[in-house]
Amino acid sequence: MFNFVNMKNQVLKNLFQEAYYSRIKFQKVTGRYVTNLDLDLFKNDLSDKFRIDVIGNSVQEKPISMITLGSGKIKILAWSQMHGNEGTTTKAVFDLLNAFTQKDGELVLSDILERCTLFVIPVLNPDGAKAYARVNANGVDLNRDMQDLSQPESKILMDQYKRIQPHYCINLHDQRTIFSAGENNKPATLSFLTPSKDQERNIDEFRKQSMSLIAGMAEDLYEDLKGRIGRYDDAFNLNCAGDTFQFLNTPTILFEAGHFPGDYQREETRKFVFQALVSCLYQISEFDGDVAGYRKYFDIPENQKLFNDVIIRNARLNGKECEISIQFKEILKGESIEFIPVVEKIQEKISKFAHREIDASGQEVSLPEKAKLGENVIVNKIVINGTELEVKYV
């Protein structure tokens, strides 16, 4: 049972306040489309605060940068946008780094940098980011390439891992809107995972460390997220980055940034990722070897695929009672992402939850201009009892 009640690390309370976050948020980068151009904006504003190195180039010769800060003995390697269309955590990384630069910053952040050295690769897959694609320019999923190391981006990550020899790894991703936090109607706004290091999913001291960190983050964020935290599946796949580094005895944490109600641009989710990163880094900086709290990791409900973006309930189609599920397809248009509503299922009853429900009240549902309504059809608008309703997210 997910029974976290109080914030574990009360010292972080000020950093979780809305007023504080509004002050440190890197406002120049928003929305779902995040590329090297956004990283350039960040670097232009803050390059004098950090060490920034180009550590290699992508397939299409785009630079891959690493930001280094802190002077502590504990080395932490973090990377985001291994999948190019997953930029929420990159935005949160900008916020985190911006917070570290504030002259009136919290003492907690100064302490973290005294005890830790952070090595951050904000955009590991710049070609995929530019194309808004999961894969790189060669069509390879970098998070399935950590054994073959067939791609320059994968090699860069492994080379940095070997060079730095980090004490911890943080692997930052986005997840789809389909995920719930357990078998209830709460979306998985954040999900975490300590990857397995073998097929048996054995739990050793290294996994216990990352489990205890995740449990602490869940406790710290519980008050704000109230059950919208999930635990990702830990099936072993050595081709994945997290599994590879966990196999090499480096405690590794997977972050998955998901949906918060009404937040398709993931600006609220971004804030929660920032808070989770602060919690994680603080716990690492204070770690004294005690992993007794790792069992609370299993109190976090496992992710389930129980959501659609839109479900039309109590509908009639061609005279038959039905329900209609709609899922948004994310399409790059110019410099922004459009959410195209596509019918997924039409059936008598749909047992999933929805981020938005439309009650047709037993009325006939159709499309404007008498277009045919069916599965895999784009439905920007629907007509119920002669009234047009907007379905497309704007």
Protein backbone atom coordinates (compact mmCIF):
# COMPACT_ATOMS: atom_id res chain seq x y z
CA MET A 1 0.00 0.00 0.00
CA PHE A 2 1.25 3.47 -0.92
CA ASN A 3 1.16 5.08 2.51
CA PHE A 4 3.69 7.93 2.50
CA VAL A 5 2.21 10.77 4.52
CA ASN A 6 4.83 13.36 5.46
CA MET A 7 7.77 14.86 3.66
CA LYS A 8 10.86 12.85 4.58
CA ASN A 9 13.39 15.65 4.23
CA GLN A 10 11.84 18.72 5.85
CA VAL A 11 14.98 20.73 5.08
CA LEU A 12 13.82 20.78 1.43
CA LYS A 13 10.46 22.36 2.20
CA ASN A 14 11.44 25.87 1.06
CA LEU A 15 12.74 24.52 -2.25
CA PHE A 16 9.36 22.91 -2.93
CA GLN A 17 7.41 26.17 -2.56
CA GLU A 18 5.73 27.55 -5.68
CA ALA A 19 7.26 31.00 -5.13
CA TYR A 20 10.76 29.54 -5.03
CA TYR A 21 10.22 27.47 -8.17
CA SER A 22 8.82 30.45 -10.07
CA ARG A 23 12.02 32.31 -9.27
CA ILE A 24 14.46 29.64 -10.44
CA LYS A 25 12.52 28.24 -13.41
CA PHE A 26 14.45 28.78 -16.65
CA GLN A 27 11.63 30.62 -18.40
CA LYS A 28 13.25 30.79 -21.84
CA VAL A 29 12.59 27.09 -22.48
CA THR A 30 9.00 25.82 -22.34
CA GLY A 31 6.75 23.36 -24.15
CA ARG A 32 7.39 19.89 -25.47
CA TYR A 33 9.89 20.62 -28.24
CA VAL A 34 13.36 20.84 -26.69
CA THR A 35 16.50 20.81 -28.84
CA ASN A 36 20.14 21.86 -28.86
CA LEU A 37 18.93 25.39 -29.66
CA ASP A 38 17.35 25.48 -26.20
CA LEU A 39 20.56 24.19 -24.69
CA ASP A 40 22.35 27.03 -26.47
CA LEU A 41 19.96 29.53 -24.86
CA PHE A 42 20.77 28.06 -21.48
CA LYS A 43 24.51 28.06 -22.15
CA ASN A 44 24.46 31.66 -23.37
CA ASP A 45 22.78 32.78 -20.15
CA LEU A 46 24.74 30.69 -17.69
CA SER A 47 27.95 29.49 -19.32
CA ASP A 48 30.11 31.49 -16.91
CA LYS A 49 28.63 29.58 -13.96
CA PHE A 50 29.61 26.08 -15.04
CA ARG A 51 32.19 24.13 -16.92
CA ILE A 52 30.67 23.18 -20.28
CA ASP A 53 32.49 20.79 -22.60
CA VAL A 54 31.62 19.32 -25.98
CA ILE A 55 32.23 15.60 -25.43
CA GLY A 56 31.46 14.40 -28.95
CA ASN A 57 29.12 14.68 -31.90
CA SER A 58 25.94 12.95 -33.02
CA VAL A 59 25.42 11.06 -36.28
CA GLN A 60 24.55 14.38 -37.94
CA GLU A 61 27.55 16.10 -36.33
CA LYS A 62 25.54 18.03 -33.77
CA PRO A 63 27.59 18.74 -30.62
CA ILE A 64 26.84 16.79 -27.45
CA SER A 65 27.65 18.82 -24.35
CA MET A 66 28.37 17.98 -20.73
CA ILE A 67 27.90 20.43 -17.88
CA THR A 68 30.05 19.89 -14.78
CA LEU A 69 29.53 21.54 -11.41
CA GLY A 70 30.38 20.91 -7.78
CA SER A 71 33.58 20.00 -6.00
CA GLY A 72 32.59 17.03 -3.89
CA LYS A 73 33.94 13.49 -3.82
CA ILE A 74 30.60 11.87 -4.72
CA LYS A 75 30.38 11.68 -8.52
CA ILE A 76 26.94 11.64 -10.17
CA LEU A 77 26.42 11.12 -13.91
CA ALA A 78 23.04 12.21 -15.30
CA TRP A 79 21.74 12.37 -18.85
CA SER A 80 18.45 13.35 -20.49
CA GLN A 81 16.91 13.08 -23.95
CA MET A 82 18.49 9.75 -24.72
CA HIS A 83 15.16 9.55 -26.53
CA GLY A 84 14.97 12.75 -28.54
CA ASN A 85 11.24 13.38 -28.07
CA GLU A 86 11.47 13.26 -24.26
CA GLY A 87 12.43 16.79 -23.25
CA THR A 88 10.56 17.37 -19.97
CA THR A 89 13.48 16.26 -17.82
CA THR A 90 15.85 18.47 -19.83
CA LYS A 91 13.72 21.48 -18.86
CA ALA A 92 13.89 20.36 -15.22
CA VAL A 93 17.67 20.00 -15.48
CA PHE A 94 17.86 23.61 -16.69
CA ASP A 95 15.79 24.64 -13.66
CA LEU A 96 18.03 22.67 -11.32
CA LEU A 97 21.22 24.14 -12.72
CA ASN A 98 19.67 27.60 -12.64
CA ALA A 99 18.83 27.10 -8.96
CA PHE A 100 22.47 26.30 -8.23
CA THR A 101 23.48 29.70 -9.66
CA GLN A 102 21.23 31.84 -7.46
CA LYS A 103 23.16 34.18 -5.18
CA ASP A 104 20.44 33.91 -2.56
CA GLY A 105 20.22 30.17 -3.03
CA GLU A 106 19.37 27.74 -0.29
CA LEU A 107 22.20 26.42 1.89
CA VAL A 108 21.04 22.90 1.02
CA LEU A 109 22.10 23.41 -2.60
CA SER A 110 25.51 24.74 -1.58
CA ASP A 111 26.01 21.71 0.63
CA ILE A 112 25.15 19.38 -2.26
CA LEU A 113 27.83 20.98 -4.44
CA GLU A 114 30.39 20.76 -1.64
CA ARG A 115 29.80 17.03 -1.27
CA CYS A 116 29.00 16.05 -4.87
CA THR A 117 30.28 16.67 -8.37
CA LEU A 118 27.57 16.55 -11.03
CA PHE A 119 28.25 15.55 -14.62
CA VAL A 120 25.15 16.31 -16.71
CA ILE A 121 24.53 15.56 -20.39
CA PRO A 122 21.35 17.55 -21.09
CA VAL A 123 20.68 16.37 -24.67
CA LEU A 124 22.32 13.03 -25.45
CA ASN A 125 20.38 12.55 -28.71
CA PRO A 126 20.34 15.97 -30.44
CA ASP A 127 19.37 14.53 -33.84
CA GLY A 128 16.35 12.79 -32.35
CA ALA A 129 15.51 15.97 -30.43
CA LYS A 130 15.54 18.03 -33.64
CA ALA A 131 13.30 15.50 -35.43
CA TYR A 132 11.13 14.93 -32.33
CA ALA A 133 11.91 11.22 -32.58
CA ARG A 134 12.66 8.56 -30.00
CA VAL A 135 15.51 7.16 -32.08
CA ASN A 136 18.71 8.75 -33.37
CA ALA A 137 19.40 9.75 -36.99
CA ASN A 138 20.20 6.12 -37.88
CA GLY A 139 16.86 4.95 -36.50
CA VAL A 140 18.48 3.28 -33.48
CA ASP A 141 17.02 3.39 -29.97
CA LEU A 142 20.05 4.44 -27.93
CA ASN A 143 18.53 2.86 -24.83
CA ARG A 144 18.78 -0.53 -26.53
CA ASP A 145 22.34 0.00 -27.77
CA MET A 146 24.42 -0.07 -24.60
CA GLN A 147 25.94 -3.46 -25.34
CA ASP A 148 26.45 -3.12 -29.10
CA LEU A 149 27.55 0.53 -28.80
CA SER A 150 26.91 0.84 -32.51
CA GLN A 151 26.06 4.56 -32.38
CA PRO A 152 28.26 7.56 -31.59
CA GLU A 153 25.84 8.81 -28.92
CA SER A 154 25.87 5.46 -27.08
CA LYS A 155 29.67 5.37 -27.23
CA ILE A 156 29.87 8.89 -25.82
CA LEU A 157 27.73 7.92 -22.82
CA MET A 158 29.75 4.78 -22.15
CA ASP A 159 33.04 6.64 -22.59
CA GLN A 160 31.97 9.23 -20.03
CA TYR A 161 30.82 6.52 -17.64
CA LYS A 162 34.22 4.84 -17.85
CA ARG A 163 36.09 8.13 -17.52
CA ILE A 164 34.08 9.49 -14.60
CA GLN A 165 33.45 6.18 -12.79
CA PRO A 166 30.38 7.68 -11.08
CA HIS A 167 29.06 6.59 -7.73
CA TYR A 168 25.48 7.11 -9.01
CA CYS A 169 23.72 7.36 -12.37
CA ILE A 170 20.49 9.23 -13.13
CA ASN A 171 18.71 8.30 -16.38
CA LEU A 172 16.05 10.88 -17.33
CA HIS A 173 13.09 10.09 -19.60
CA ASP A 174 9.46 10.93 -20.44
CA GLN A 175 6.60 8.44 -20.44
CA ARG A 176 3.33 8.43 -22.36
CA THR A 177 -0.03 9.67 -21.10
CA ILE A 178 -1.35 6.08 -21.03
CA PHE A 179 0.24 5.23 -17.69
CA SER A 180 -1.56 5.15 -14.35
CA ALA A 181 0.07 4.94 -10.94
CA GLY A 182 -1.29 1.53 -10.06
CA GLU A 183 -4.77 0.27 -10.86
CA ASN A 184 -6.62 3.51 -10.18
CA ASN A 185 -7.54 6.74 -11.94
CA LYS A 186 -4.37 8.61 -10.96
CA PRO A 187 -2.01 9.33 -13.86
CA ALA A 188 1.64 8.45 -13.30
CA THR A 189 2.98 12.00 -13.24
CA LEU A 190 6.33 10.66 -12.11
CA SER A 191 7.56 7.10 -12.22
CA PHE A 192 10.83 5.70 -10.97
CA LEU A 193 12.83 2.52 -11.34
CA THR A 194 15.94 0.98 -9.95
CA PRO A 195 16.88 -1.26 -12.90
CA SER A 196 17.62 -4.93 -12.42
CA LYS A 197 21.17 -6.18 -12.78
CA ASP A 198 20.28 -9.77 -13.70
CA GLN A 199 17.41 -11.87 -15.03
CA GLU A 200 16.46 -12.93 -11.51
CA ARG A 201 16.03 -9.29 -10.44
CA ASN A 202 18.16 -9.90 -7.37
CA ILE A 203 18.39 -7.11 -4.82
CA ASP A 204 21.93 -6.35 -3.69
CA GLU A 205 23.33 -3.40 -1.74
CA PHE A 206 23.64 -1.29 -4.90
CA ARG A 207 19.98 -1.75 -5.80
CA LYS A 208 19.00 -1.12 -2.19
CA GLN A 209 20.76 2.24 -2.36
CA SER A 210 18.78 3.36 -5.39
CA MET A 211 15.57 1.88 -3.97
CA SER A 212 16.00 3.87 -0.76
CA LEU A 213 16.61 7.05 -2.77
CA ILE A 214 13.43 6.49 -4.78
CA ALA A 215 11.43 5.79 -1.62
CA GLY A 216 12.73 9.06 -0.19
CA MET A 217 11.75 11.00 -3.31
CA ALA A 218 8.27 9.48 -3.21
CA GLU A 219 7.92 10.57 0.40
CA ASP A 220 9.12 14.08 -0.31
CA LEU A 221 6.74 14.55 -3.24
CA TYR A 222 3.74 12.74 -1.84
CA GLU A 223 2.04 15.83 -0.43
CA ASP A 224 2.04 17.56 -3.82
CA LEU A 225 1.44 14.57 -6.08
CA LYS A 226 -0.93 12.60 -3.84
CA GLY A 227 -0.67 9.16 -5.37
CA ARG A 228 0.46 10.17 -8.85
CA ILE A 229 3.81 8.39 -8.46
CA GLY A 230 4.41 5.01 -10.08
CA ARG A 231 7.07 2.32 -10.16
CA TYR A 232 8.30 1.20 -13.56
CA ASP A 233 8.64 -2.43 -14.57
CA ASP A 234 12.08 -3.86 -13.70
CA ALA A 235 12.32 -6.62 -16.31
CA PHE A 236 16.02 -7.07 -17.07
CA ASN A 237 17.46 -5.96 -20.42
CA LEU A 238 21.22 -5.53 -20.49
CA ASN A 239 20.94 -3.52 -23.71
CA CYS A 240 19.41 -0.66 -21.70
CA ALA A 241 21.61 2.00 -20.12
CA GLY A 242 20.22 1.66 -16.60
CA ASP A 243 20.50 -2.12 -16.55
CA THR A 244 24.05 -1.93 -17.91
CA PHE A 245 25.25 0.50 -15.26
CA GLN A 246 23.39 -1.32 -12.49
CA PHE A 247 25.05 -4.54 -13.73
CA LEU A 248 28.37 -2.71 -13.30
CA ASN A 249 27.45 -2.05 -9.64
CA THR A 250 26.56 1.63 -9.98
CA PRO A 251 23.30 2.52 -8.20
CA THR A 252 21.11 3.83 -11.01
CA ILE A 253 17.77 5.62 -10.97
CA LEU A 254 15.40 5.92 -13.90
CA PHE A 255 13.13 8.99 -13.89
CA GLU A 256 10.00 8.94 -16.07
CA ALA A 257 8.18 12.26 -16.47
CA GLY A 258 4.50 11.67 -17.19
CA HIS A 259 1.13 13.39 -17.36
CA PHE A 260 -0.32 15.78 -14.79
CA PRO A 261 -4.02 16.66 -15.25
CA GLY A 262 -4.41 19.30 -17.97
CA ASP A 263 -0.65 19.62 -18.46
CA TYR A 264 0.12 18.37 -21.96
CA GLN A 265 3.01 20.85 -22.22
CA ARG A 266 4.44 19.24 -19.06
CA GLU A 267 5.26 22.46 -17.28
CA GLU A 268 3.77 21.18 -14.00
CA THR A 269 5.48 17.83 -14.45
CA ARG A 270 8.72 19.69 -15.07
CA LYS A 271 8.40 21.28 -11.62
CA PHE A 272 7.92 17.89 -9.97
CA VAL A 273 10.96 16.49 -11.78
CA PHE A 274 12.97 19.43 -10.44
CA GLN A 275 11.77 18.67 -6.93
CA ALA A 276 12.57 14.98 -7.32
CA LEU A 277 16.08 15.80 -8.52
CA VAL A 278 16.66 18.07 -5.52
CA SER A 279 15.42 15.32 -3.20
CA CYS A 280 17.60 12.71 -4.88
CA LEU A 281 20.76 14.82 -4.79
CA TYR A 282 20.18 15.85 -1.19
CA GLN A 283 19.76 12.25 -0.09
CA ILE A 284 22.91 11.22 -1.96
CA SER A 285 24.87 14.04 -0.33
CA GLU A 286 23.65 12.95 3.11
CA PHE A 287 23.92 9.18 2.59
CA ASP A 288 25.44 7.41 5.59
CA GLY A 289 25.18 3.81 4.40
CA ASP A 290 21.74 3.14 5.89
CA VAL A 291 19.44 1.52 3.30
CA ALA A 292 16.86 0.18 5.74
CA GLY A 293 14.15 2.26 4.07
CA TYR A 294 14.54 0.49 0.73
CA ARG A 295 11.47 -1.68 1.38
CA LYS A 296 9.24 1.39 1.02
CA TYR A 297 10.19 1.32 -2.66
CA PHE A 298 7.76 -1.58 -3.03
CA ASP A 299 4.95 0.51 -1.53
CA ILE A 300 4.97 2.58 -4.71
CA PRO A 301 2.33 1.13 -7.07
CA GLU A 302 3.49 -0.34 -10.35
CA ASN A 303 2.69 1.53 -13.55
CA GLN A 304 -0.29 0.26 -15.50
CA LYS A 305 -1.49 1.19 -19.00
CA LEU A 306 -4.97 2.27 -17.96
CA PHE A 307 -5.46 5.74 -19.49
CA ASN A 308 -6.64 7.26 -22.74
CA ASP A 309 -6.46 10.95 -23.48
CA VAL A 310 -10.20 11.19 -24.22
CA ILE A 311 -13.11 8.77 -23.84
CA ILE A 312 -16.62 9.51 -25.09
CA ARG A 313 -19.07 7.68 -22.81
CA ASN A 314 -22.75 6.81 -23.30
CA ALA A 315 -22.57 7.34 -27.04
CA ARG A 316 -24.52 5.96 -29.96
CA LEU A 317 -22.92 5.32 -33.33
CA ASN A 318 -25.14 4.24 -36.21
CA GLY A 319 -27.85 3.54 -33.65
CA LYS A 320 -25.71 1.24 -31.46
CA GLU A 321 -24.60 2.02 -27.91
CA CYS A 322 -20.84 2.39 -27.62
CA GLU A 323 -17.89 4.16 -26.06
CA ILE A 324 -15.08 5.76 -28.04
CA SER A 325 -11.47 6.07 -26.87
CA ILE A 326 -9.18 8.66 -28.40
CA GLN A 327 -5.41 8.93 -28.08
CA PHE A 328 -3.36 11.97 -29.06
CA LYS A 329 -0.58 11.46 -31.57
CA GLU A 330 2.28 13.91 -31.09
CA ILE A 331 3.37 15.51 -34.38
CA LEU A 332 6.10 18.08 -34.96
CA LYS A 333 4.74 21.09 -36.85
CA GLY A 334 7.32 23.81 -37.34
CA GLU A 335 8.85 24.48 -33.94
CA SER A 336 6.05 23.08 -31.80
CA ILE A 337 4.21 19.84 -31.09
CA GLU A 338 0.60 19.30 -32.14
CA PHE A 339 -1.58 16.74 -30.39
CA ILE A 340 -3.64 15.01 -33.06
CA PRO A 341 -6.66 13.07 -31.70
CA VAL A 342 -6.98 9.62 -33.25
CA VAL A 343 -9.76 7.12 -32.49
CA GLU A 344 -8.21 4.08 -30.81
CA LYS A 345 -11.23 1.90 -30.02
CA ILE A 346 -14.98 1.87 -30.57
CA GLN A 347 -16.68 -0.78 -28.47
CA GLU A 348 -19.61 -1.32 -26.17
CA LYS A 349 -17.67 -0.55 -22.98
CA ILE A 350 -14.15 0.78 -22.45
CA SER A 351 -12.73 -0.06 -19.04
CA LYS A 352 -9.89 2.47 -19.08
CA PHE A 353 -9.74 5.85 -17.39
CA ALA A 354 -9.53 9.10 -19.36
CA HIS A 355 -7.77 12.40 -18.85
CA ARG A 356 -10.93 13.92 -20.31
CA GLU A 357 -14.37 12.31 -20.46
CA ILE A 358 -17.20 13.46 -22.70
CA ASP A 359 -20.69 12.26 -21.79
CA ALA A 360 -22.79 11.89 -24.94
CA SER A 361 -25.89 11.19 -22.80
CA GLY A 362 -27.12 8.49 -25.14
CA GLN A 363 -27.01 10.77 -28.19
CA GLU A 364 -25.72 9.92 -31.66
CA VAL A 365 -22.06 10.89 -32.19
CA SER A 366 -20.80 11.91 -35.61
CA LEU A 367 -18.11 13.94 -37.32
CA PRO A 368 -18.58 17.32 -39.00
CA GLU A 369 -19.49 17.30 -42.69
CA LYS A 370 -20.70 13.70 -42.40
CA ALA A 371 -17.18 12.24 -42.42
CA LYS A 372 -17.01 8.58 -41.41
CA LEU A 373 -16.25 7.94 -37.75
CA GLY A 374 -14.19 4.81 -37.13
CA GLU A 375 -11.02 3.47 -35.54
CA ASN A 376 -7.74 5.15 -36.62
CA VAL A 377 -9.65 8.22 -37.82
CA ILE A 378 -8.53 11.74 -36.83
CA VAL A 379 -11.27 13.51 -34.87
CA ASN A 380 -10.46 17.16 -34.25
CA LYS A 381 -14.15 17.79 -33.56
CA ILE A 382 -17.21 15.66 -32.87
CA VAL A 383 -20.90 16.41 -33.17
CA ILE A 384 -23.30 15.37 -30.40
CA ASN A 385 -26.98 16.15 -30.86
CA GLY A 386 -26.15 18.83 -33.41
CA THR A 387 -23.53 20.55 -31.24
CA GLU A 388 -19.88 20.63 -32.25
CA LEU A 389 -17.31 19.88 -29.54
CA GLU A 390 -13.56 20.43 -29.81
CA VAL A 391 -11.57 17.25 -29.16
CA LYS A 392 -8.14 18.41 -30.24
CA TYR A 393 -5.92 19.75 -27.47
CA VAL A 394 -4.89 23.33 -28.24
